[in-house]
C-alpha atoms as a PDB file:
ATOM      1  CA  MET A   1     -16.969 -41.867 -17.792  1.00  0.00           C
ATOM      2  CA  PRO A   2     -16.141 -43.964 -20.581  1.00  0.00           C
ATOM      3  CA  ARG A   3     -16.573 -42.571 -24.242  1.00  0.00           C
ATOM      4  CA  VAL A   4     -19.477 -44.871 -26.248  1.00  0.00           C
ATOM      5  CA  ILE A   5     -19.386 -44.170 -29.818  1.00  0.00           C
ATOM      6  CA  ASN A   6     -21.832 -45.776 -32.064  1.00  0.00           C
ATOM      7  CA  TYR A   7     -21.650 -46.501 -35.939  1.00  0.00           C
ATOM      8  CA  THR A   8     -24.242 -47.325 -38.401  1.00  0.00           C
ATOM      9  CA  ILE A   9     -22.397 -49.219 -41.134  1.00  0.00           C
ATOM     10  CA  PRO A  10     -22.867 -48.115 -44.464  1.00  0.00           C
ATOM     11  CA  ASP A  11     -23.159 -49.788 -47.729  1.00  0.00           C
ATOM     12  CA  GLU A  12     -19.333 -49.016 -48.887  1.00  0.00           C
ATOM     13  CA  HIS A  13     -17.891 -51.097 -45.392  1.00  0.00           C
ATOM     14  CA  SER A  14     -20.204 -54.211 -45.950  1.00  0.00           C
ATOM     15  CA  GLY A  15     -17.976 -57.277 -45.896  1.00  0.00           C
ATOM     16  CA  ILE A  16     -15.116 -56.082 -44.137  1.00  0.00           C
ATOM     17  CA  LYS A  17     -13.566 -57.128 -40.593  1.00  0.00           C
ATOM     18  CA  ILE A  18     -14.291 -54.839 -37.407  1.00  0.00           C
ATOM     19  CA  PHE A  19     -10.316 -54.570 -37.313  1.00  0.00           C
ATOM     20  CA  THR A  20     -10.216 -52.933 -40.873  1.00  0.00           C
ATOM     21  CA  PHE A  21     -13.300 -50.886 -40.169  1.00  0.00           C
ATOM     22  CA  LEU A  22     -11.920 -49.523 -36.952  1.00  0.00           C
ATOM     23  CA  LYS A  23      -7.962 -49.213 -38.020  1.00  0.00           C
ATOM     24  CA  TYR A  24      -8.470 -48.011 -41.666  1.00  0.00           C
ATOM     25  CA  ARG A  25     -11.760 -46.737 -41.803  1.00  0.00           C
ATOM     26  CA  LYS A  26     -12.286 -44.931 -38.369  1.00  0.00           C
ATOM     27  CA  GLY A  27      -8.168 -44.141 -37.476  1.00  0.00           C
ATOM     28  CA  PHE A  28      -8.174 -46.415 -34.295  1.00  0.00           C
ATOM     29  CA  SER A  29      -4.547 -47.561 -33.287  1.00  0.00           C
ATOM     30  CA  THR A  30      -4.016 -50.981 -33.385  1.00  0.00           C
ATOM     31  CA  LYS A  31      -3.049 -50.632 -29.376  1.00  0.00           C
ATOM     32  CA  LEU A  32      -6.549 -49.089 -28.813  1.00  0.00           C
ATOM     33  CA  ILE A  33      -8.032 -51.848 -30.884  1.00  0.00           C
ATOM     34  CA  ARG A  34      -6.180 -54.506 -28.553  1.00  0.00           C
ATOM     35  CA  THR A  35      -7.678 -52.664 -25.485  1.00  0.00           C
ATOM     36  CA  LEU A  36     -11.160 -52.795 -26.627  1.00  0.00           C
ATOM     37  CA  LYS A  37     -10.655 -56.494 -27.280  1.00  0.00           C
ATOM     38  CA  ASN A  38      -9.357 -57.090 -23.795  1.00  0.00           C
ATOM     39  CA  THR A  39     -12.561 -54.511 -22.141  1.00  0.00           C
ATOM     40  CA  PRO A  40     -15.610 -56.453 -21.460  1.00  0.00           C
ATOM     41  CA  GLY A  41     -18.379 -54.510 -23.605  1.00  0.00           C
ATOM     42  CA  GLY A  42     -15.622 -52.823 -25.759  1.00  0.00           C
ATOM     43  CA  ILE A  43     -16.579 -54.078 -29.212  1.00  0.00           C
ATOM     44  CA  ILE A  44     -20.581 -54.804 -29.357  1.00  0.00           C
ATOM     45  CA  LEU A  45     -22.252 -55.538 -32.715  1.00  0.00           C
ATOM     46  CA  ASN A  46     -25.589 -55.461 -32.932  1.00  0.00           C
ATOM     47  CA  GLY A  47     -26.318 -55.709 -29.111  1.00  0.00           C
ATOM     48  CA  SER A  48     -23.675 -58.766 -28.763  1.00  0.00           C
ATOM     49  CA  ASP A  49     -20.140 -59.299 -27.829  1.00  0.00           C
ATOM     50  CA  ALA A  50     -18.238 -59.226 -31.370  1.00  0.00           C
ATOM     51  CA  ARG A  51     -14.550 -60.264 -32.375  1.00  0.00           C
ATOM     52  CA  THR A  52     -12.089 -57.865 -34.153  1.00  0.00           C
ATOM     53  CA  ILE A  53     -12.116 -60.952 -37.129  1.00  0.00           C
ATOM     54  CA  ASP A  54     -16.336 -60.431 -37.679  1.00  0.00           C
ATOM     55  CA  PHE A  55     -17.432 -59.312 -40.877  1.00  0.00           C
ATOM     56  CA  LEU A  56     -19.614 -56.342 -40.783  1.00  0.00           C
ATOM     57  CA  LYS A  57     -22.664 -55.934 -43.055  1.00  0.00           C
ATOM     58  CA  SER A  58     -24.671 -53.094 -44.552  1.00  0.00           C
ATOM     59  CA  GLY A  59     -26.784 -51.436 -41.499  1.00  0.00           C
ATOM     60  CA  ASP A  60     -25.169 -53.100 -38.887  1.00  0.00           C
ATOM     61  CA  ILE A  61     -24.767 -51.510 -35.616  1.00  0.00           C
ATOM     62  CA  LEU A  62     -21.368 -50.999 -34.283  1.00  0.00           C
ATOM     63  CA  ASN A  63     -21.049 -49.731 -30.812  1.00  0.00           C
ATOM     64  CA  VAL A  64     -17.350 -49.070 -29.378  1.00  0.00           C
ATOM     65  CA  THR A  65     -16.692 -48.273 -25.756  1.00  0.00           C
ATOM     66  CA  ILE A  66     -13.301 -46.268 -24.790  1.00  0.00           C
ATOM     67  CA  PRO A  67     -12.467 -46.994 -21.442  1.00  0.00           C
ATOM     68  CA  ASP A  68     -11.956 -43.972 -18.931  1.00  0.00           C
ATOM     69  CA  THR A  69      -8.945 -43.460 -17.706  1.00  0.00           C
ATOM     70  CA  SER A  70      -7.396 -41.536 -14.715  1.00  0.00           C
ATOM     71  CA  GLY A  71      -3.992 -40.210 -14.305  1.00  0.00           C
ATOM     72  CA  ALA A  72      -1.950 -39.411 -11.022  1.00  0.00           C
ATOM     73  CA  ILE A  73      -2.421 -35.867 -11.987  1.00  0.00           C
ATOM     74  CA  GLU A  74      -3.642 -33.643  -8.808  1.00  0.00           C
ATOM     75  CA  PRO A  75      -6.635 -31.638  -9.389  1.00  0.00           C
ATOM     76  CA  SER A  76      -5.837 -27.829  -8.431  1.00  0.00           C
ATOM     77  CA  GLY A  77      -5.254 -24.460  -9.447  1.00  0.00           C
ATOM     78  CA  GLU A  78      -7.300 -21.685 -11.090  1.00  0.00           C
ATOM     79  CA  LYS A  79     -10.583 -21.992 -13.539  1.00  0.00           C
ATOM     80  CA  LEU A  80      -9.875 -22.675 -17.144  1.00  0.00           C
ATOM     81  CA  ASP A  81     -10.805 -20.184 -20.258  1.00  0.00           C
ATOM     82  CA  ILE A  82     -12.476 -22.987 -22.289  1.00  0.00           C
ATOM     83  CA  ILE A  83     -13.395 -22.123 -25.538  1.00  0.00           C
ATOM     84  CA  TYR A  84     -15.287 -25.460 -26.741  1.00  0.00           C
ATOM     85  CA  GLU A  85     -15.778 -29.004 -25.215  1.00  0.00           C
ATOM     86  CA  ASP A  86     -17.646 -31.882 -26.247  1.00  0.00           C
ATOM     87  CA  ASP A  87     -16.919 -35.715 -25.225  1.00  0.00           C
ATOM     88  CA  ASP A  88     -13.619 -36.378 -27.378  1.00  0.00           C
ATOM     89  CA  ILE A  89     -11.976 -32.678 -27.058  1.00  0.00           C
ATOM     90  CA  ILE A  90     -11.599 -29.480 -24.999  1.00  0.00           C
ATOM     91  CA  VAL A  91      -9.990 -26.291 -26.510  1.00  0.00           C
ATOM     92  CA  ILE A  92      -8.498 -23.961 -24.087  1.00  0.00           C
ATOM     93  CA  ASN A  93      -7.026 -20.364 -24.097  1.00  0.00           C
ATOM     94  CA  LYS A  94      -3.886 -20.676 -21.930  1.00  0.00           C
ATOM     95  CA  SER A  95      -2.560 -17.846 -19.731  1.00  0.00           C
ATOM     96  CA  PRO A  96       0.890 -16.955 -20.572  1.00  0.00           C
ATOM     97  CA  TYR A  97       1.564 -17.295 -16.783  1.00  0.00           C
ATOM     98  CA  MET A  98       0.796 -21.030 -16.720  1.00  0.00           C
ATOM     99  CA  ALA A  99       2.823 -23.994 -17.447  1.00  0.00           C
ATOM    100  CA  MET A 100       1.927 -26.876 -19.056  1.00  0.00           C
ATOM    101  CA  HIS A 101       2.263 -29.824 -16.789  1.00  0.00           C
ATOM    102  CA  PRO A 102       4.112 -30.336 -13.528  1.00  0.00           C
ATOM    103  CA  THR A 103       7.696 -30.137 -13.334  1.00  0.00           C
ATOM    104  CA  HIS A 104       9.873 -29.808 -10.148  1.00  0.00           C
ATOM    105  CA  ASN A 105       9.220 -26.098 -10.696  1.00  0.00           C
ATOM    106  CA  HIS A 106       5.754 -25.939 -11.244  1.00  0.00           C
ATOM    107  CA  GLN A 107       3.531 -28.432  -8.801  1.00  0.00           C
ATOM    108  CA  GLY A 108      -0.415 -28.038  -8.757  1.00  0.00           C
ATOM    109  CA  ASP A 109      -0.640 -24.652 -11.043  1.00  0.00           C
ATOM    110  CA  THR A 110      -0.109 -26.083 -14.333  1.00  0.00           C
ATOM    111  CA  LEU A 111      -2.723 -26.664 -17.617  1.00  0.00           C
ATOM    112  CA  ALA A 112      -2.688 -30.125 -16.482  1.00  0.00           C
ATOM    113  CA  ASN A 113      -3.734 -29.658 -12.967  1.00  0.00           C
ATOM    114  CA  ALA A 114      -6.263 -27.392 -13.807  1.00  0.00           C
ATOM    115  CA  LEU A 115      -7.549 -29.534 -16.487  1.00  0.00           C
ATOM    116  CA  ALA A 116      -8.033 -32.423 -14.094  1.00  0.00           C
ATOM    117  CA  ALA A 117      -9.992 -30.231 -11.732  1.00  0.00           C
ATOM    118  CA  HIS A 118     -12.315 -29.271 -14.399  1.00  0.00           C
ATOM    119  CA  LEU A 119     -12.828 -32.712 -15.622  1.00  0.00           C
ATOM    120  CA  GLU A 120     -13.296 -33.857 -11.699  1.00  0.00           C
ATOM    121  CA  SER A 121     -16.306 -31.310 -11.789  1.00  0.00           C
ATOM    122  CA  GLU A 122     -17.852 -32.975 -14.495  1.00  0.00           C
ATOM    123  CA  GLY A 123     -17.322 -36.652 -13.009  1.00  0.00           C
ATOM    124  CA  LYS A 124     -14.797 -37.399 -15.406  1.00  0.00           C
ATOM    125  CA  GLY A 125     -10.867 -39.262 -15.193  1.00  0.00           C
ATOM    126  CA  CYS A 126      -8.257 -37.065 -16.440  1.00  0.00           C
ATOM    127  CA  VAL A 127      -5.052 -38.379 -18.472  1.00  0.00           C
ATOM    128  CA  PHE A 128      -3.092 -35.254 -19.923  1.00  0.00           C
ATOM    129  CA  ARG A 129      -3.195 -35.486 -23.696  1.00  0.00           C
ATOM    130  CA  ALA A 130      -2.332 -32.079 -24.809  1.00  0.00           C
ATOM    131  CA  VAL A 131      -1.782 -32.231 -28.816  1.00  0.00           C
ATOM    132  CA  GLY A 132       0.997 -29.973 -29.037  1.00  0.00           C
ATOM    133  CA  ARG A 133       2.509 -27.869 -26.120  1.00  0.00           C
ATOM    134  CA  LEU A 134       3.083 -24.130 -25.262  1.00  0.00           C
ATOM    135  CA  ASP A 135       6.021 -23.066 -23.634  1.00  0.00           C
ATOM    136  CA  LYS A 136       5.303 -21.111 -20.326  1.00  0.00           C
ATOM    137  CA  GLY A 137       5.178 -17.821 -21.619  1.00  0.00           C
ATOM    138  CA  THR A 138       3.328 -18.490 -24.343  1.00  0.00           C
ATOM    139  CA  ALA A 139      -0.257 -17.756 -24.257  1.00  0.00           C
ATOM    140  CA  GLY A 140      -3.350 -19.142 -26.578  1.00  0.00           C
ATOM    141  CA  ILE A 141      -4.843 -21.983 -27.689  1.00  0.00           C
ATOM    142  CA  VAL A 142      -4.154 -25.526 -26.535  1.00  0.00           C
ATOM    143  CA  VAL A 143      -6.396 -28.506 -27.673  1.00  0.00           C
ATOM    144  CA  CYS A 144      -6.451 -31.697 -25.416  1.00  0.00           C
ATOM    145  CA  ALA A 145      -7.667 -34.982 -26.270  1.00  0.00           C
ATOM    146  CA  LEU A 146     -10.350 -36.447 -24.031  1.00  0.00           C
ATOM    147  CA  ASN A 147      -9.959 -40.299 -25.020  1.00  0.00           C
ATOM    148  CA  PRO A 148      -7.099 -42.137 -26.838  1.00  0.00           C
ATOM    149  CA  LEU A 149      -8.691 -42.382 -30.015  1.00  0.00           C
ATOM    150  CA  SER A 150      -8.842 -38.318 -30.144  1.00  0.00           C
ATOM    151  CA  ALA A 151      -5.383 -38.200 -29.100  1.00  0.00           C
ATOM    152  CA  CYS A 152      -4.379 -40.820 -32.201  1.00  0.00           C
ATOM    153  CA  LYS A 153      -6.239 -39.042 -35.030  1.00  0.00           C
ATOM    154  CA  LEU A 154      -5.299 -35.223 -33.947  1.00  0.00           C
ATOM    155  CA  SER A 155      -1.225 -36.122 -33.850  1.00  0.00           C
ATOM    156  CA  GLY A 156       0.262 -34.206 -35.858  1.00  0.00           C
ATOM    157  CA  LYS A 157      -3.078 -32.900 -37.632  1.00  0.00           C
ATOM    158  CA  VAL A 158      -3.624 -29.837 -35.671  1.00  0.00           C
ATOM    159  CA  LYS A 159      -2.685 -26.439 -37.946  1.00  0.00           C
ATOM    160  CA  LYS A 160      -1.811 -23.449 -35.652  1.00  0.00           C
ATOM    161  CA  THR A 161      -1.441 -19.590 -36.540  1.00  0.00           C
ATOM    162  CA  TYR A 162       0.762 -17.804 -34.149  1.00  0.00           C
ATOM    163  CA  TYR A 163       1.093 -13.712 -33.596  1.00  0.00           C
ATOM    164  CA  ALA A 164       4.237 -12.277 -31.995  1.00  0.00           C
ATOM    165  CA  VAL A 165       5.420  -8.905 -31.007  1.00  0.00           C
ATOM    166  CA  VAL A 166       8.855  -8.497 -32.133  1.00  0.00           C
ATOM    167  CA  LYS A 167      11.818  -6.014 -31.904  1.00  0.00           C
ATOM    168  CA  GLY A 168      12.173  -3.676 -35.051  1.00  0.00           C
ATOM    169  CA  VAL A 169      10.677  -4.214 -38.466  1.00  0.00           C
ATOM    170  CA  PRO A 170      11.129  -7.480 -40.353  1.00  0.00           C
ATOM    171  CA  GLU A 171      10.859  -7.563 -44.084  1.00  0.00           C
ATOM    172  CA  ASP A 172       7.087  -7.857 -44.875  1.00  0.00           C
ATOM    173  CA  SER A 173       7.194 -11.822 -44.995  1.00  0.00           C
ATOM    174  CA  GLY A 174      10.103 -14.087 -44.980  1.00  0.00           C
ATOM    175  CA  THR A 175      10.737 -17.697 -43.922  1.00  0.00           C
ATOM    176  CA  ALA A 176      13.575 -18.839 -41.877  1.00  0.00           C
ATOM    177  CA  ASP A 177      14.758 -22.627 -42.554  1.00  0.00           C
ATOM    178  CA  VAL A 178      17.510 -23.491 -40.140  1.00  0.00           C
ATOM    179  CA  PRO A 179      18.051 -26.448 -38.240  1.00  0.00           C
ATOM    180  CA  ILE A 180      17.892 -26.154 -34.217  1.00  0.00           C
ATOM    181  CA  TYR A 181      19.911 -27.715 -32.021  1.00  0.00           C
ATOM    182  CA  ARG A 182      20.740 -27.783 -28.184  1.00  0.00           C
ATOM    183  CA  PRO A 183      24.290 -26.361 -27.260  1.00  0.00           C
ATOM    184  CA  ASP A 184      24.118 -27.394 -23.846  1.00  0.00           C
ATOM    185  CA  PRO A 185      22.315 -30.818 -22.917  1.00  0.00           C
ATOM    186  CA  GLY A 186      21.663 -29.960 -19.343  1.00  0.00           C
ATOM    187  CA  LYS A 187      19.650 -26.745 -20.672  1.00  0.00           C
ATOM    188  CA  THR A 188      16.801 -25.882 -22.420  1.00  0.00           C
ATOM    189  CA  LEU A 189      18.282 -23.238 -24.369  1.00  0.00           C
ATOM    190  CA  ARG A 190      18.091 -23.932 -28.230  1.00  0.00           C
ATOM    191  CA  ALA A 191      20.204 -22.242 -31.266  1.00  0.00           C
ATOM    192  CA  CYS A 192      20.331 -22.093 -34.946  1.00  0.00           C
ATOM    193  CA  SER A 193      23.067 -23.493 -37.085  1.00  0.00           C
ATOM    194  CA  TYR A 194      23.300 -25.298 -40.440  1.00  0.00           C
ATOM    195  CA  GLU A 195      26.436 -27.040 -39.311  1.00  0.00           C
ATOM    196  CA  LEU A 196      25.601 -28.659 -35.735  1.00  0.00           C
ATOM    197  CA  GLY A 197      21.530 -28.835 -35.961  1.00  0.00           C
ATOM    198  CA  LYS A 198      20.307 -32.003 -37.138  1.00  0.00           C
ATOM    199  CA  GLU A 199      16.566 -31.430 -37.071  1.00  0.00           C
ATOM    200  CA  THR A 200      14.847 -29.419 -40.076  1.00  0.00           C
ATOM    201  CA  ALA A 201      12.783 -26.243 -38.727  1.00  0.00           C
ATOM    202  CA  VAL A 202      10.929 -23.877 -40.824  1.00  0.00           C
ATOM    203  CA  THR A 203       8.971 -21.077 -39.618  1.00  0.00           C
ATOM    204  CA  HIS A 204       7.091 -18.562 -42.129  1.00  0.00           C
ATOM    205  CA  TRP A 205       6.157 -14.976 -41.202  1.00  0.00           C
ATOM    206  CA  GLN A 206       4.243 -12.097 -42.375  1.00  0.00           C
ATOM    207  CA  VAL A 207       4.241  -8.613 -40.942  1.00  0.00           C
ATOM    208  CA  ILE A 208       0.888  -7.539 -39.627  1.00  0.00           C
ATOM    209  CA  GLU A 209       1.602  -4.051 -38.081  1.00  0.00           C
ATOM    210  CA  LYS A 210       4.359  -2.141 -37.885  1.00  0.00           C
ATOM    211  CA  ARG A 211       5.496   0.531 -35.127  1.00  0.00           C
ATOM    212  CA  GLU A 212       8.706   2.580 -34.400  1.00  0.00           C
ATOM    213  CA  THR A 213      10.489   0.045 -32.508  1.00  0.00           C
ATOM    214  CA  CYS A 214       8.427  -3.076 -33.083  1.00  0.00           C
ATOM    215  CA  SER A 215       6.115  -4.964 -35.250  1.00  0.00           C
ATOM    216  CA  LEU A 216       3.182  -7.433 -35.254  1.00  0.00           C
ATOM    217  CA  ILE A 217       3.831 -10.789 -37.277  1.00  0.00           C
ATOM    218  CA  LYS A 218       1.711 -13.736 -37.861  1.00  0.00           C
ATOM    219  CA  LEU A 219       3.448 -17.168 -38.074  1.00  0.00           C
ATOM    220  CA  ARG A 220       2.752 -20.661 -39.604  1.00  0.00           C
ATOM    221  CA  LEU A 221       5.299 -23.318 -38.761  1.00  0.00           C
ATOM    222  CA  GLU A 222       5.836 -26.200 -40.962  1.00  0.00           C
ATOM    223  CA  THR A 223       7.810 -28.197 -37.880  1.00  0.00           C
ATOM    224  CA  GLY A 224       7.343 -28.289 -34.432  1.00  0.00           C
ATOM    225  CA  ARG A 225      10.850 -27.797 -32.577  1.00  0.00           C
ATOM    226  CA  THR A 226      11.155 -26.582 -29.254  1.00  0.00           C
ATOM    227  CA  HIS A 227      11.324 -23.169 -28.746  1.00  0.00           C
ATOM    228  CA  GLN A 228      11.475 -22.417 -32.752  1.00  0.00           C
ATOM    229  CA  ILE A 229       9.634 -19.412 -33.150  1.00  0.00           C
ATOM    230  CA  ARG A 230      11.612 -17.849 -30.456  1.00  0.00           C
ATOM    231  CA  VAL A 231      15.063 -19.407 -31.705  1.00  0.00           C
ATOM    232  CA  HIS A 232      14.225 -17.993 -35.083  1.00  0.00           C
ATOM    233  CA  MET A 233      13.127 -14.716 -34.941  1.00  0.00           C
ATOM    234  CA  ALA A 234      16.049 -14.366 -32.477  1.00  0.00           C
ATOM    235  CA  TYR A 235      18.767 -15.750 -35.445  1.00  0.00           C
ATOM    236  CA  THR A 236      16.910 -13.262 -38.232  1.00  0.00           C
ATOM    237  CA  GLY A 237      17.936 -10.169 -35.673  1.00  0.00           C
ATOM    238  CA  HIS A 238      13.940  -9.547 -34.630  1.00  0.00           C
ATOM    239  CA  PRO A 239      13.673 -11.315 -31.237  1.00  0.00           C
ATOM    240  CA  LEU A 240      10.310 -11.545 -29.279  1.00  0.00           C
ATOM    241  CA  ALA A 241       9.389  -8.712 -27.068  1.00  0.00           C
ATOM    242  CA  GLY A 242      10.000  -9.781 -23.483  1.00  0.00           C
ATOM    243  CA  ASP A 243      11.639 -13.282 -24.181  1.00  0.00           C
ATOM    244  CA  ASN A 244      14.846 -12.721 -21.983  1.00  0.00           C
ATOM    245  CA  MET A 245      16.064 -16.003 -22.980  1.00  0.00           C
ATOM    246  CA  TYR A 246      16.551 -15.319 -26.793  1.00  0.00           C
ATOM    247  CA  GLY A 247      16.651 -11.386 -26.269  1.00  0.00           C
ATOM    248  CA  ASP A 248      16.794  -7.756 -24.462  1.00  0.00           C
ATOM    249  CA  PHE A 249      13.868  -6.428 -25.895  1.00  0.00           C
ATOM    250  CA  MET A 250      10.653  -4.781 -23.454  1.00  0.00           C
ATOM    251  CA  ASN A 251      11.725  -7.801 -21.083  1.00  0.00           C
ATOM    252  CA  GLU A 252       9.440  -5.838 -18.469  1.00  0.00           C
ATOM    253  CA  ILE A 253       6.715  -7.523 -20.006  1.00  0.00           C
ATOM    254  CA  GLY A 254       7.686 -10.636 -18.183  1.00  0.00           C
ATOM    255  CA  HIS A 255       6.857 -12.934 -20.542  1.00  0.00           C
ATOM    256  CA  GLN A 256       7.554 -13.546 -24.539  1.00  0.00           C
ATOM    257  CA  MET A 257       5.011 -12.035 -26.704  1.00  0.00           C
ATOM    258  CA  LEU A 258       4.011 -15.043 -28.059  1.00  0.00           C
ATOM    259  CA  PHE A 259       0.175 -16.138 -29.028  1.00  0.00           C
ATOM    260  CA  CYS A 260      -1.422 -18.896 -30.578  1.00  0.00           C
ATOM    261  CA  GLY A 261      -4.478 -16.902 -31.845  1.00  0.00           C
ATOM    262  CA  GLU A 262      -5.823 -19.715 -34.277  1.00  0.00           C
ATOM    263  CA  CYS A 263      -6.413 -23.194 -34.732  1.00  0.00           C
ATOM    264  CA  GLU A 264      -7.974 -25.662 -37.359  1.00  0.00           C
ATOM    265  CA  PHE A 265      -8.379 -29.533 -37.447  1.00  0.00           C
ATOM    266  CA  GLU A 266     -10.943 -32.330 -38.412  1.00  0.00           C
ATOM    267  CA  HIS A 267     -12.821 -33.387 -35.569  1.00  0.00           C
ATOM    268  CA  PRO A 268     -11.663 -36.703 -34.485  1.00  0.00           C
ATOM    269  CA  VAL A 269     -15.133 -38.579 -34.651  1.00  0.00           C
ATOM    270  CA  THR A 270     -17.457 -36.543 -36.557  1.00  0.00           C
ATOM    271  CA  GLY A 271     -14.951 -35.642 -39.269  1.00  0.00           C
ATOM    272  CA  LYS A 272     -16.344 -32.191 -39.479  1.00  0.00           C
ATOM    273  CA  ALA A 273     -14.362 -29.179 -40.055  1.00  0.00           C
ATOM    274  CA  MET A 274     -13.209 -26.813 -36.890  1.00  0.00           C
ATOM    275  CA  HIS A 275     -11.985 -23.527 -36.544  1.00  0.00           C
ATOM    276  CA  PHE A 276     -11.181 -21.652 -33.813  1.00  0.00           C
ATOM    277  CA  THR A 277      -9.873 -18.191 -32.258  1.00  0.00           C
ATOM    278  CA  ALA A 278      -8.765 -17.055 -29.052  1.00  0.00           C
ATOM    279  CA  LYS A 279      -8.819 -14.014 -27.292  1.00  0.00           C
ATOM    280  CA  PRO A 280      -4.942 -12.205 -27.085  1.00  0.00           C
ATOM    281  CA  PRO A 281      -3.613 -11.464 -23.672  1.00  0.00           C
ATOM    282  CA  GLU A 282      -3.913  -7.822 -22.497  1.00  0.00           C
ATOM    283  CA  GLU A 283      -0.166  -7.056 -23.058  1.00  0.00           C
ATOM    284  CA  PHE A 284      -0.806  -7.239 -27.245  1.00  0.00           C
ATOM    285  CA  GLU A 285      -3.973  -4.584 -26.569  1.00  0.00           C
ATOM    286  CA  ALA A 286      -1.254  -2.560 -23.997  1.00  0.00           C
ATOM    287  CA  LEU A 287       1.142  -2.316 -26.985  1.00  0.00           C
ATOM    288  CA  GLY A 288      -1.600  -0.881 -29.307  1.00  0.00           C
ATOM    289  CA  PHE A 289      -1.919  -3.775 -31.316  1.00  0.00           C
ATOM    290  CA  THR A 290      -5.886  -4.303 -31.459  1.00  0.00           C
ATOM    291  CA  ASP A 291      -6.428  -4.528 -34.969  1.00  0.00           C
ATOM    292  CA  PHE A 292      -5.868  -8.362 -35.245  1.00  0.00           C
ATOM    293  CA  MET A 293      -8.020  -8.514 -32.192  1.00  0.00           C
ATOM    294  CA  HIS A 294      -9.976 -12.118 -31.976  1.00  0.00           C
ATOM    295  CA  LYS A 295     -12.559 -13.288 -29.258  1.00  0.00           C
ATOM    296  CA  ASN A 296     -12.974 -17.050 -28.460  1.00  0.00           C
ATOM    297  CA  THR A 297     -15.075 -18.359 -31.159  1.00  0.00           C
ATOM    298  CA  VAL A 298     -15.987 -21.472 -32.704  1.00  0.00           C
ATOM    299  CA  ILE A 299     -15.886 -20.419 -36.254  1.00  0.00           C
ATOM    300  CA  GLN A 300     -17.129 -23.407 -37.914  1.00  0.00           C
ATOM    301  CA  ILE A 301     -17.986 -26.784 -37.187  1.00  0.00           C
END
């Protein structure tokens, strides 16, 4: 169903055009504003159709209707572990065994398929708008925008905290600041190189718990390159447990021990600060790492 957002114009925005208000005060993209212009009833001012060049005054009621969109994603798959949902976003705790979107290797069993099924059950259309992605084998928080406005405003604005089990005991804290490149364009494998890498990649880590053969670390990223954490930690000599692409440590686990456990951002419509935590996969507890355990929680809204 369409998303309707109602704005009451405050004194400080009196005298500006609707286009200026939507683009520079509320973060609408030019493309979305153009869509609204071409949508019957897309922009209503005080009960009447309005143009983006019309001026606003204090106390005006501006109604914006973002059209419903449906994609070609097949609704199927398992029930989602949903942390939070409203009309603009949905926050999901993804299983490590679930891929993000359909590929030739994954048809019908992805997060996109499961989200389409969930939204269909609520009478909503689905275009898969994940704000960032997690590799198959990586678990944890995925934020999905439910309309173009949310997608636009959240892009690059979601701060994530990751947890990983790595081989050995790294320094208590450190930073990997090494460019990443793709040695073979036909393969997904990445590598680090100051000479060959063209894209800057920066990963910060902090050791949380130590064992004889492995450690639990907390990570923050300054950049979001493909396989960044996995490649950087392997480069430091501490590959992720279970990651058979970049290491040979605890591969019997069956997936890399990497988990997006926290995220924070401003809500794309209300502007309120939001902070989420997610429960880690059972494999973390099986290895004895329990002190950091979170539950699926909305900490602050």
